[in-house]
Amino acid sequence: MFIIHQPLSENHTQDLELPTEKTELQKTAFDRIIISIDDFIIFLQDLYLPTDAILVPPEGGWPDITKETWSSFGKSDEVIEVLRHLTYVKPYRTSDPYEFITGGGLYDFRNPNRVKEATRGDGRFIAFMTEIPDRPAPPYVVGILRGSGSCPVRLLDCRNGLVYGEGTHEGGWSEGVRRPVEDYFALLKERFRNMQLLPQGRYNVSEEGNSFETIRRPLKEIYKRHGWPDNYRRDECVAEVAEFGKASNIVRLQDEYLRSLTPRVG
């Protein structure tokens, strides 16, 4: 059962100096973030995430994530409050997260290793891992999605409820492409619905334009055959996609694609 927080008032995104006591505006940013991420995780659960991978915070939030124990992280109170109340997704394997975007899943701040790093004073290492190396984000901004290779960092502004598509730099930092958090995750959902993004195996996601067409074509057919997105038969589809996504099958399809590009002689 997901803990869904109701928003307290209309959405706003203006920048404010932070008082000791949270304003209604800042509470609203918190609620918008929690609701948007919870809603997206539920969407991915309906699509492919196993229920036992979803980690819902206890009432009051994750007890090991507090502003006192995470003081070395260098983040503001509203960042710690968001991380304390987020729903997380347990990795498929130690180094393989269930992906939200190609190459990247939600960073798991609840992970015991991250908690140990923060509480023993290595919090800046966590920021290094989740943001852009040597380009720290402001205290009210935290990295939430970080993939490998070409997958860019996604940064969450916990003061205003915004997602930045690029990195930041203190002292004239570049905000990059930014969207309200609810718009960002709504856009991601739409990309899954129209099959620009699709789970390709047990935990990874492929993207239109970044995957071999020989793989994307049969993958789309599997989802269509199982009624995606309107009459979706989840369990049957997930089982077939898991089989489809085995390394041997992907290698074979990649080889077929590369052979199709080789000019025939004679």
Protein backbone atom coordinates (compact mmCIF):
# COMPACT_ATOMS: atom_id res chain seq x y z
CA MET A 1 0.00 0.00 0.00
CA PHE A 2 1.51 3.34 -1.02
CA ILE A 3 1.61 6.34 1.26
CA ILE A 4 0.23 9.19 -0.83
CA HIS A 5 0.39 12.71 0.60
CA GLN A 6 -2.29 15.16 -0.48
CA PRO A 7 -1.08 18.55 -1.78
CA LEU A 8 -1.73 21.44 0.56
CA SER A 9 -2.35 24.22 -1.96
CA GLU A 10 -1.86 25.40 -5.56
CA ASN A 11 1.48 24.66 -7.32
CA HIS A 12 4.08 27.44 -7.21
CA THR A 13 7.70 27.47 -8.34
CA GLN A 14 9.11 30.86 -7.28
CA ASP A 15 12.43 30.98 -5.44
CA LEU A 16 12.43 31.93 -1.74
CA GLU A 17 14.88 32.46 1.06
CA LEU A 18 14.34 29.58 3.46
CA PRO A 19 13.06 30.45 6.94
CA THR A 20 13.45 28.06 9.87
CA GLU A 21 9.74 27.22 9.73
CA LYS A 22 8.49 25.77 6.42
CA THR A 23 6.04 27.94 4.52
CA GLU A 24 2.93 26.49 2.89
CA LEU A 25 4.72 26.96 -0.43
CA GLN A 26 7.60 24.71 0.62
CA LYS A 27 5.24 22.10 2.03
CA THR A 28 3.48 22.08 -1.33
CA ALA A 29 6.77 21.44 -3.17
CA PHE A 30 7.40 18.49 -0.83
CA ASP A 31 3.93 17.04 -1.45
CA ARG A 32 4.20 17.49 -5.22
CA ILE A 33 7.51 15.63 -5.27
CA ILE A 34 6.33 12.73 -3.11
CA ILE A 35 3.06 12.35 -5.03
CA SER A 36 4.75 12.54 -8.46
CA ILE A 37 7.41 9.93 -7.69
CA ASP A 38 4.97 7.61 -5.88
CA ASP A 39 2.57 7.86 -8.82
CA PHE A 40 5.32 7.05 -11.32
CA ILE A 41 6.50 4.04 -9.31
CA ILE A 42 2.91 2.75 -9.23
CA PHE A 43 2.77 3.24 -13.01
CA LEU A 44 5.96 1.18 -13.45
CA GLN A 45 4.60 -1.45 -11.07
CA ASP A 46 1.58 -1.80 -13.35
CA LEU A 47 3.96 -2.03 -16.31
CA TYR A 48 6.79 -4.25 -15.05
CA LEU A 49 8.19 -3.59 -11.55
CA PRO A 50 7.76 -6.51 -9.13
CA THR A 51 5.82 -5.54 -6.02
CA ASP A 52 8.49 -6.86 -3.65
CA ALA A 53 11.05 -4.43 -5.12
CA ILE A 54 9.06 -1.40 -3.96
CA LEU A 55 10.13 0.00 -0.60
CA VAL A 56 7.49 2.22 1.04
CA PRO A 57 8.69 4.44 3.90
CA PRO A 58 7.29 3.76 7.36
CA GLU A 59 5.09 6.37 8.97
CA GLY A 60 7.36 9.26 9.85
CA GLY A 61 9.86 8.39 7.12
CA TRP A 62 13.04 6.30 6.89
CA PRO A 63 14.54 6.47 10.40
CA ASP A 64 18.19 6.39 9.23
CA ILE A 65 17.82 9.48 7.03
CA THR A 66 17.77 12.51 9.32
CA LYS A 67 19.27 16.00 9.09
CA GLU A 68 21.45 15.23 12.13
CA THR A 69 22.96 11.97 10.84
CA TRP A 70 23.17 13.23 7.25
CA SER A 71 24.76 16.60 8.06
CA SER A 72 27.88 15.70 6.03
CA PHE A 73 25.73 15.38 2.89
CA GLY A 74 25.72 19.18 2.64
CA LYS A 75 22.05 19.40 1.71
CA SER A 76 19.26 21.57 3.10
CA ASP A 77 16.57 20.35 5.46
CA GLU A 78 13.96 20.16 2.70
CA VAL A 79 16.19 17.77 0.68
CA ILE A 80 16.62 15.48 3.69
CA GLU A 81 12.86 15.63 4.32
CA VAL A 82 12.13 14.52 0.74
CA LEU A 83 14.71 11.69 0.81
CA ARG A 84 13.35 10.57 4.18
CA HIS A 85 9.82 10.15 2.78
CA LEU A 86 10.47 8.86 -0.75
CA THR A 87 9.33 5.45 -1.93
CA TYR A 88 12.42 3.62 -3.24
CA VAL A 89 12.95 0.68 -5.56
CA LYS A 90 15.25 -2.15 -4.48
CA PRO A 91 17.83 -3.02 -7.20
CA TYR A 92 17.36 -6.14 -9.32
CA ARG A 93 20.94 -6.98 -8.46
CA THR A 94 23.52 -5.04 -6.44
CA SER A 95 24.70 -2.98 -9.42
CA ASP A 96 21.57 -3.24 -11.59
CA PRO A 97 18.67 -0.94 -10.66
CA TYR A 98 15.22 -1.34 -12.13
CA GLU A 99 15.38 1.37 -14.76
CA PHE A 100 13.12 4.44 -14.98
CA ILE A 101 14.94 5.69 -18.09
CA THR A 102 17.51 4.01 -20.33
CA GLY A 103 20.58 3.29 -18.22
CA GLY A 104 19.23 4.82 -15.03
CA GLY A 105 17.05 4.09 -12.03
CA LEU A 106 16.03 6.07 -8.96
CA TYR A 107 19.03 6.47 -6.69
CA ASP A 108 18.45 4.51 -3.49
CA PHE A 109 19.33 6.78 -0.57
CA ARG A 110 17.83 4.20 1.77
CA ASN A 111 20.54 1.71 0.77
CA PRO A 112 22.48 0.69 3.92
CA ASN A 113 25.81 1.54 2.23
CA ARG A 114 24.63 5.08 1.52
CA VAL A 115 23.39 5.46 5.08
CA LYS A 116 26.79 4.32 6.43
CA GLU A 117 28.63 6.73 4.15
CA ALA A 118 26.48 9.65 5.25
CA THR A 119 26.62 8.88 8.97
CA ARG A 120 30.39 8.34 9.03
CA GLY A 121 30.98 11.69 7.30
CA ASP A 122 31.29 10.66 3.64
CA GLY A 123 28.12 12.45 2.54
CA ARG A 124 29.91 14.48 -0.12
CA PHE A 125 30.87 11.21 -1.78
CA ILE A 126 27.15 10.48 -2.20
CA ALA A 127 26.68 13.91 -3.81
CA PHE A 128 29.65 13.12 -6.09
CA MET A 129 27.98 9.86 -7.14
CA THR A 130 24.51 11.32 -7.72
CA GLU A 131 25.35 14.68 -9.30
CA ILE A 132 28.15 15.78 -11.63
CA PRO A 133 31.70 15.17 -10.41
CA ASP A 134 33.42 18.41 -9.32
CA ARG A 135 30.26 20.40 -10.11
CA PRO A 136 28.21 20.28 -6.91
CA ALA A 137 24.57 21.28 -7.01
CA PRO A 138 23.18 23.88 -4.58
CA PRO A 139 22.12 22.62 -1.12
CA TYR A 140 18.42 22.52 -2.06
CA VAL A 141 19.06 20.40 -5.20
CA VAL A 142 19.85 16.66 -5.17
CA GLY A 143 20.58 14.08 -7.86
CA ILE A 144 17.85 11.43 -8.04
CA LEU A 145 18.56 9.63 -11.34
CA ARG A 146 21.98 8.80 -12.63
CA GLY A 147 22.61 6.31 -15.38
CA SER A 148 25.71 5.05 -17.14
CA GLY A 149 27.26 6.06 -20.43
CA SER A 150 25.18 8.68 -22.22
CA CYS A 151 22.38 8.74 -19.62
CA PRO A 152 22.43 12.24 -18.11
CA VAL A 153 22.00 13.15 -14.47
CA ARG A 154 18.52 14.22 -13.36
CA LEU A 155 18.46 16.72 -10.51
CA LEU A 156 15.57 17.45 -8.17
CA ASP A 157 15.02 20.96 -6.81
CA CYS A 158 13.33 20.26 -3.46
CA ARG A 159 12.67 23.94 -2.77
CA ASN A 160 10.53 24.54 -5.85
CA GLY A 161 9.51 21.05 -7.00
CA LEU A 162 11.44 21.09 -10.29
CA VAL A 163 13.44 18.48 -12.21
CA TYR A 164 16.54 19.59 -14.09
CA GLY A 165 17.62 17.56 -17.09
CA GLU A 166 21.21 18.72 -16.89
CA GLY A 167 23.74 19.38 -14.18
CA THR A 168 24.32 22.44 -12.06
CA HIS A 169 27.37 24.46 -11.14
CA GLU A 170 27.64 26.61 -8.06
CA GLY A 171 28.53 30.22 -8.86
CA GLY A 172 26.61 30.80 -12.08
CA TRP A 173 25.20 27.29 -12.24
CA SER A 174 23.40 26.17 -15.38
CA GLU A 175 19.85 25.01 -14.68
CA GLY A 176 19.58 23.27 -18.04
CA VAL A 177 16.18 21.99 -19.12
CA ARG A 178 13.78 22.20 -16.18
CA ARG A 179 10.20 21.07 -15.66
CA PRO A 180 7.80 20.94 -12.73
CA VAL A 181 8.24 17.53 -11.13
CA GLU A 182 4.70 16.42 -12.00
CA ASP A 183 5.22 17.40 -15.66
CA TYR A 184 8.52 15.55 -15.87
CA PHE A 185 7.08 12.26 -14.64
CA ALA A 186 3.89 12.72 -16.68
CA LEU A 187 6.10 13.08 -19.77
CA LEU A 188 7.98 9.90 -18.87
CA LYS A 189 4.68 8.03 -18.50
CA GLU A 190 3.56 9.27 -21.91
CA ARG A 191 6.82 8.07 -23.46
CA PHE A 192 6.16 4.60 -22.06
CA ARG A 193 2.54 4.66 -23.25
CA ASN A 194 3.54 5.49 -26.83
CA MET A 195 6.41 2.95 -26.64
CA GLN A 196 9.29 5.39 -27.05
CA LEU A 197 10.49 3.82 -23.81
CA LEU A 198 9.89 0.13 -23.07
CA PRO A 199 11.19 -2.43 -20.59
CA GLN A 200 13.43 -4.73 -22.65
CA GLY A 201 14.18 -7.41 -20.06
CA ARG A 202 13.75 -8.05 -16.36
CA TYR A 203 15.10 -4.67 -15.25
CA ASN A 204 16.36 -2.60 -18.18
CA VAL A 205 14.59 -0.07 -20.41
CA SER A 206 15.23 0.62 -24.10
CA GLU A 207 14.64 3.91 -25.87
CA GLU A 208 13.60 4.79 -29.40
CA GLY A 209 16.65 5.93 -31.34
CA ASN A 210 19.17 4.46 -28.87
CA SER A 211 18.50 0.76 -29.50
CA PHE A 212 18.81 -1.49 -32.54
CA GLU A 213 15.63 -1.35 -34.61
CA THR A 214 15.79 -5.14 -34.98
CA ILE A 215 15.30 -5.29 -31.20
CA ARG A 216 12.74 -2.50 -30.92
CA ARG A 217 10.39 -3.89 -33.60
CA PRO A 218 9.71 -7.33 -32.04
CA LEU A 219 9.69 -5.77 -28.57
CA LYS A 220 6.87 -3.42 -29.55
CA GLU A 221 4.95 -6.33 -31.04
CA ILE A 222 5.14 -8.21 -27.73
CA TYR A 223 3.58 -5.25 -25.89
CA LYS A 224 0.92 -4.72 -28.56
CA ARG A 225 0.03 -8.41 -28.48
CA HIS A 226 -0.50 -8.17 -24.72
CA GLY A 227 -2.76 -5.14 -24.98
CA TRP A 228 -0.42 -2.29 -24.04
CA PRO A 229 -1.37 0.34 -23.03
CA ASP A 230 -5.18 0.11 -22.70
CA ASN A 231 -5.92 -3.61 -22.13
CA TYR A 232 -2.61 -4.72 -20.75
CA ARG A 233 -2.05 -8.28 -19.55
CA ARG A 234 0.88 -7.55 -17.32
CA ASP A 235 2.07 -10.94 -16.03
CA GLU A 236 2.00 -12.64 -19.43
CA CYS A 237 3.83 -9.72 -21.04
CA VAL A 238 6.49 -9.43 -18.32
CA ALA A 239 7.28 -13.15 -18.65
CA GLU A 240 7.65 -12.94 -22.44
CA VAL A 241 9.72 -9.75 -22.27
CA ALA A 242 12.05 -11.35 -19.69
CA GLU A 243 12.65 -14.25 -22.10
CA PHE A 244 13.07 -11.84 -25.01
CA GLY A 245 15.62 -9.78 -23.05
CA LYS A 246 18.04 -12.65 -22.37
CA ALA A 247 21.56 -11.75 -23.47
CA SER A 248 21.74 -14.52 -26.09
CA ASN A 249 18.57 -13.28 -27.80
CA ILE A 250 19.69 -9.65 -27.77
CA VAL A 251 23.11 -10.53 -29.22
CA ARG A 252 21.44 -12.56 -31.98
CA LEU A 253 19.13 -9.67 -32.90
CA GLN A 254 22.02 -7.20 -32.85
CA ASP A 255 24.00 -9.45 -35.18
CA GLU A 256 21.02 -9.69 -37.53
CA TYR A 257 20.74 -5.90 -37.57
CA LEU A 258 24.45 -5.41 -38.30
CA ARG A 259 24.34 -8.01 -41.09
CA SER A 260 21.38 -6.17 -42.62
CA LEU A 261 23.58 -3.04 -42.91
CA THR A 262 26.42 -4.89 -44.69
CA PRO A 263 26.19 -4.44 -48.49
CA ARG A 264 25.75 -7.69 -50.37
CA VAL A 265 28.51 -8.55 -52.86
CA GLY A 266 27.57 -9.93 -56.27
